[in-house]
N, C-alpha and C. Protein backbone atom coordinates (compact mmCIF):
# COMPACT_ATOMS: atom_id res chain seq x y z
N MET A 1 43.37 -24.49 -46.91
CA MET A 1 43.47 -24.87 -48.30
C MET A 1 44.90 -24.62 -48.80
N VAL A 2 45.56 -23.61 -48.28
CA VAL A 2 46.89 -23.30 -48.75
C VAL A 2 47.87 -24.40 -48.36
N GLN A 3 47.67 -24.98 -47.18
CA GLN A 3 48.58 -26.02 -46.71
C GLN A 3 48.47 -27.28 -47.55
N SER A 4 47.32 -27.52 -48.12
CA SER A 4 47.18 -28.66 -49.01
C SER A 4 47.36 -28.16 -50.44
N ALA A 5 47.31 -29.05 -51.38
CA ALA A 5 47.50 -28.67 -52.78
C ALA A 5 46.18 -28.32 -53.44
N TYR A 6 45.16 -28.05 -52.66
CA TYR A 6 43.83 -27.78 -53.20
C TYR A 6 43.56 -26.29 -53.26
N THR A 7 42.70 -25.92 -54.21
CA THR A 7 42.39 -24.52 -54.44
C THR A 7 40.98 -24.20 -53.93
N PRO A 8 40.64 -22.93 -53.82
CA PRO A 8 39.27 -22.57 -53.47
C PRO A 8 38.25 -23.14 -54.46
N SER A 9 38.66 -23.31 -55.71
CA SER A 9 37.75 -23.91 -56.71
C SER A 9 37.43 -25.35 -56.34
N ASP A 10 38.38 -26.05 -55.75
CA ASP A 10 38.12 -27.43 -55.30
C ASP A 10 37.06 -27.42 -54.20
N LEU A 11 37.14 -26.47 -53.30
CA LEU A 11 36.14 -26.35 -52.24
C LEU A 11 34.79 -25.95 -52.83
N ALA A 12 34.81 -25.13 -53.86
CA ALA A 12 33.56 -24.73 -54.51
C ALA A 12 32.86 -25.94 -55.13
N ASN A 13 33.62 -26.88 -55.61
CA ASN A 13 33.02 -28.11 -56.15
C ASN A 13 32.27 -28.88 -55.08
N VAL A 14 32.75 -28.83 -53.86
CA VAL A 14 32.09 -29.51 -52.75
C VAL A 14 30.96 -28.65 -52.19
N ALA A 15 31.21 -27.35 -52.03
CA ALA A 15 30.22 -26.45 -51.44
C ALA A 15 29.09 -26.12 -52.40
N GLY A 16 29.34 -26.23 -53.68
CA GLY A 16 28.30 -25.96 -54.67
C GLY A 16 28.44 -24.63 -55.37
N LEU A 17 28.95 -23.62 -54.69
CA LEU A 17 29.08 -22.29 -55.27
C LEU A 17 30.42 -21.68 -54.87
N LYS A 18 31.01 -20.90 -55.77
CA LYS A 18 32.26 -20.22 -55.43
C LYS A 18 32.05 -19.21 -54.31
N SER A 19 30.89 -18.55 -54.32
CA SER A 19 30.62 -17.56 -53.26
C SER A 19 30.52 -18.23 -51.90
N ARG A 20 29.92 -19.41 -51.85
CA ARG A 20 29.81 -20.14 -50.59
C ARG A 20 31.19 -20.60 -50.13
N ALA A 21 32.02 -21.06 -51.06
CA ALA A 21 33.38 -21.47 -50.72
C ALA A 21 34.16 -20.29 -50.15
N SER A 22 33.98 -19.12 -50.75
CA SER A 22 34.64 -17.91 -50.26
C SER A 22 34.20 -17.57 -48.85
N GLU A 23 32.91 -17.69 -48.58
CA GLU A 23 32.39 -17.42 -47.23
C GLU A 23 32.99 -18.38 -46.22
N ILE A 24 33.13 -19.63 -46.60
CA ILE A 24 33.70 -20.64 -45.70
C ILE A 24 35.18 -20.33 -45.43
N LEU A 25 35.91 -20.02 -46.49
CA LEU A 25 37.34 -19.73 -46.34
C LEU A 25 37.58 -18.45 -45.53
N ASN A 26 36.66 -17.50 -45.63
CA ASN A 26 36.78 -16.25 -44.87
C ASN A 26 36.10 -16.33 -43.51
N ARG A 27 35.66 -17.52 -43.17
CA ARG A 27 35.05 -17.82 -41.87
C ARG A 27 33.78 -17.02 -41.59
N LYS A 28 33.03 -16.73 -42.65
CA LYS A 28 31.74 -16.06 -42.50
C LYS A 28 30.60 -17.06 -42.50
N ARG A 29 30.88 -18.28 -42.92
CA ARG A 29 29.89 -19.35 -42.94
C ARG A 29 30.54 -20.60 -42.37
N LYS A 30 29.81 -21.30 -41.54
CA LYS A 30 30.33 -22.55 -40.96
C LYS A 30 30.12 -23.70 -41.93
N ARG A 31 30.94 -24.70 -41.78
CA ARG A 31 30.82 -25.90 -42.60
C ARG A 31 29.70 -26.78 -42.05
N SER A 32 28.89 -27.33 -42.94
CA SER A 32 27.85 -28.25 -42.50
C SER A 32 28.46 -29.64 -42.32
N LEU A 33 27.76 -30.49 -41.63
CA LEU A 33 28.25 -31.85 -41.42
C LEU A 33 28.42 -32.57 -42.76
N GLU A 34 27.47 -32.39 -43.66
CA GLU A 34 27.56 -33.03 -44.98
C GLU A 34 28.78 -32.51 -45.74
N MET A 35 29.03 -31.22 -45.64
CA MET A 35 30.18 -30.63 -46.33
C MET A 35 31.48 -31.18 -45.75
N ILE A 36 31.54 -31.32 -44.44
CA ILE A 36 32.73 -31.87 -43.80
C ILE A 36 32.98 -33.29 -44.30
N ARG A 37 31.92 -34.06 -44.42
CA ARG A 37 32.07 -35.43 -44.93
C ARG A 37 32.58 -35.43 -46.37
N GLN A 38 32.06 -34.56 -47.20
CA GLN A 38 32.48 -34.51 -48.61
C GLN A 38 33.92 -34.03 -48.74
N ILE A 39 34.29 -33.03 -47.95
CA ILE A 39 35.66 -32.54 -48.00
C ILE A 39 36.62 -33.63 -47.53
N HIS A 40 36.21 -34.38 -46.53
CA HIS A 40 37.05 -35.46 -46.03
C HIS A 40 37.20 -36.56 -47.08
N ASP A 41 36.12 -36.91 -47.76
CA ASP A 41 36.14 -38.00 -48.73
C ASP A 41 36.86 -37.64 -50.02
N ARG A 42 36.60 -36.48 -50.57
CA ARG A 42 37.15 -36.12 -51.89
C ARG A 42 38.63 -35.74 -51.81
N PRO A 43 38.98 -34.64 -51.14
CA PRO A 43 40.40 -34.30 -51.07
C PRO A 43 41.15 -35.06 -49.98
N ASN A 44 40.40 -35.86 -49.19
CA ASN A 44 41.01 -36.68 -48.14
C ASN A 44 41.73 -35.84 -47.09
N ILE A 45 41.06 -34.82 -46.60
CA ILE A 45 41.57 -34.00 -45.51
C ILE A 45 41.09 -34.63 -44.20
N PRO A 46 41.95 -34.78 -43.21
CA PRO A 46 41.54 -35.41 -41.96
C PRO A 46 40.33 -34.73 -41.31
N THR A 47 39.41 -35.52 -40.82
CA THR A 47 38.21 -35.01 -40.18
C THR A 47 38.56 -34.14 -38.98
N GLU A 48 39.60 -34.50 -38.25
CA GLU A 48 39.99 -33.74 -37.07
C GLU A 48 40.29 -32.28 -37.42
N VAL A 49 40.84 -32.06 -38.58
CA VAL A 49 41.15 -30.70 -39.03
C VAL A 49 39.87 -29.96 -39.38
N LEU A 50 38.92 -30.66 -39.97
CA LEU A 50 37.70 -30.03 -40.45
C LEU A 50 36.71 -29.67 -39.34
N ILE A 51 36.79 -30.35 -38.21
CA ILE A 51 35.82 -30.09 -37.14
C ILE A 51 36.34 -29.13 -36.08
N GLN A 52 37.55 -28.62 -36.24
CA GLN A 52 38.09 -27.67 -35.29
C GLN A 52 37.27 -26.38 -35.31
N GLU A 53 37.15 -25.76 -34.14
CA GLU A 53 36.45 -24.48 -34.05
C GLU A 53 37.31 -23.40 -34.67
N TYR A 54 36.64 -22.37 -35.17
CA TYR A 54 37.39 -21.22 -35.71
C TYR A 54 36.73 -19.94 -35.33
């Protein structure tokens, strides 16, 4: 998120909750396929970046 101009709040809009966005950013929760699609469509982040293992 830091590399793009988007904030954790932007991810919370896609994930539904700020706490869930925090878990995703801290790598405590994996991204769902639906979430990957929404993140790709809204902020237009490449899918290749979103499906990488962490």
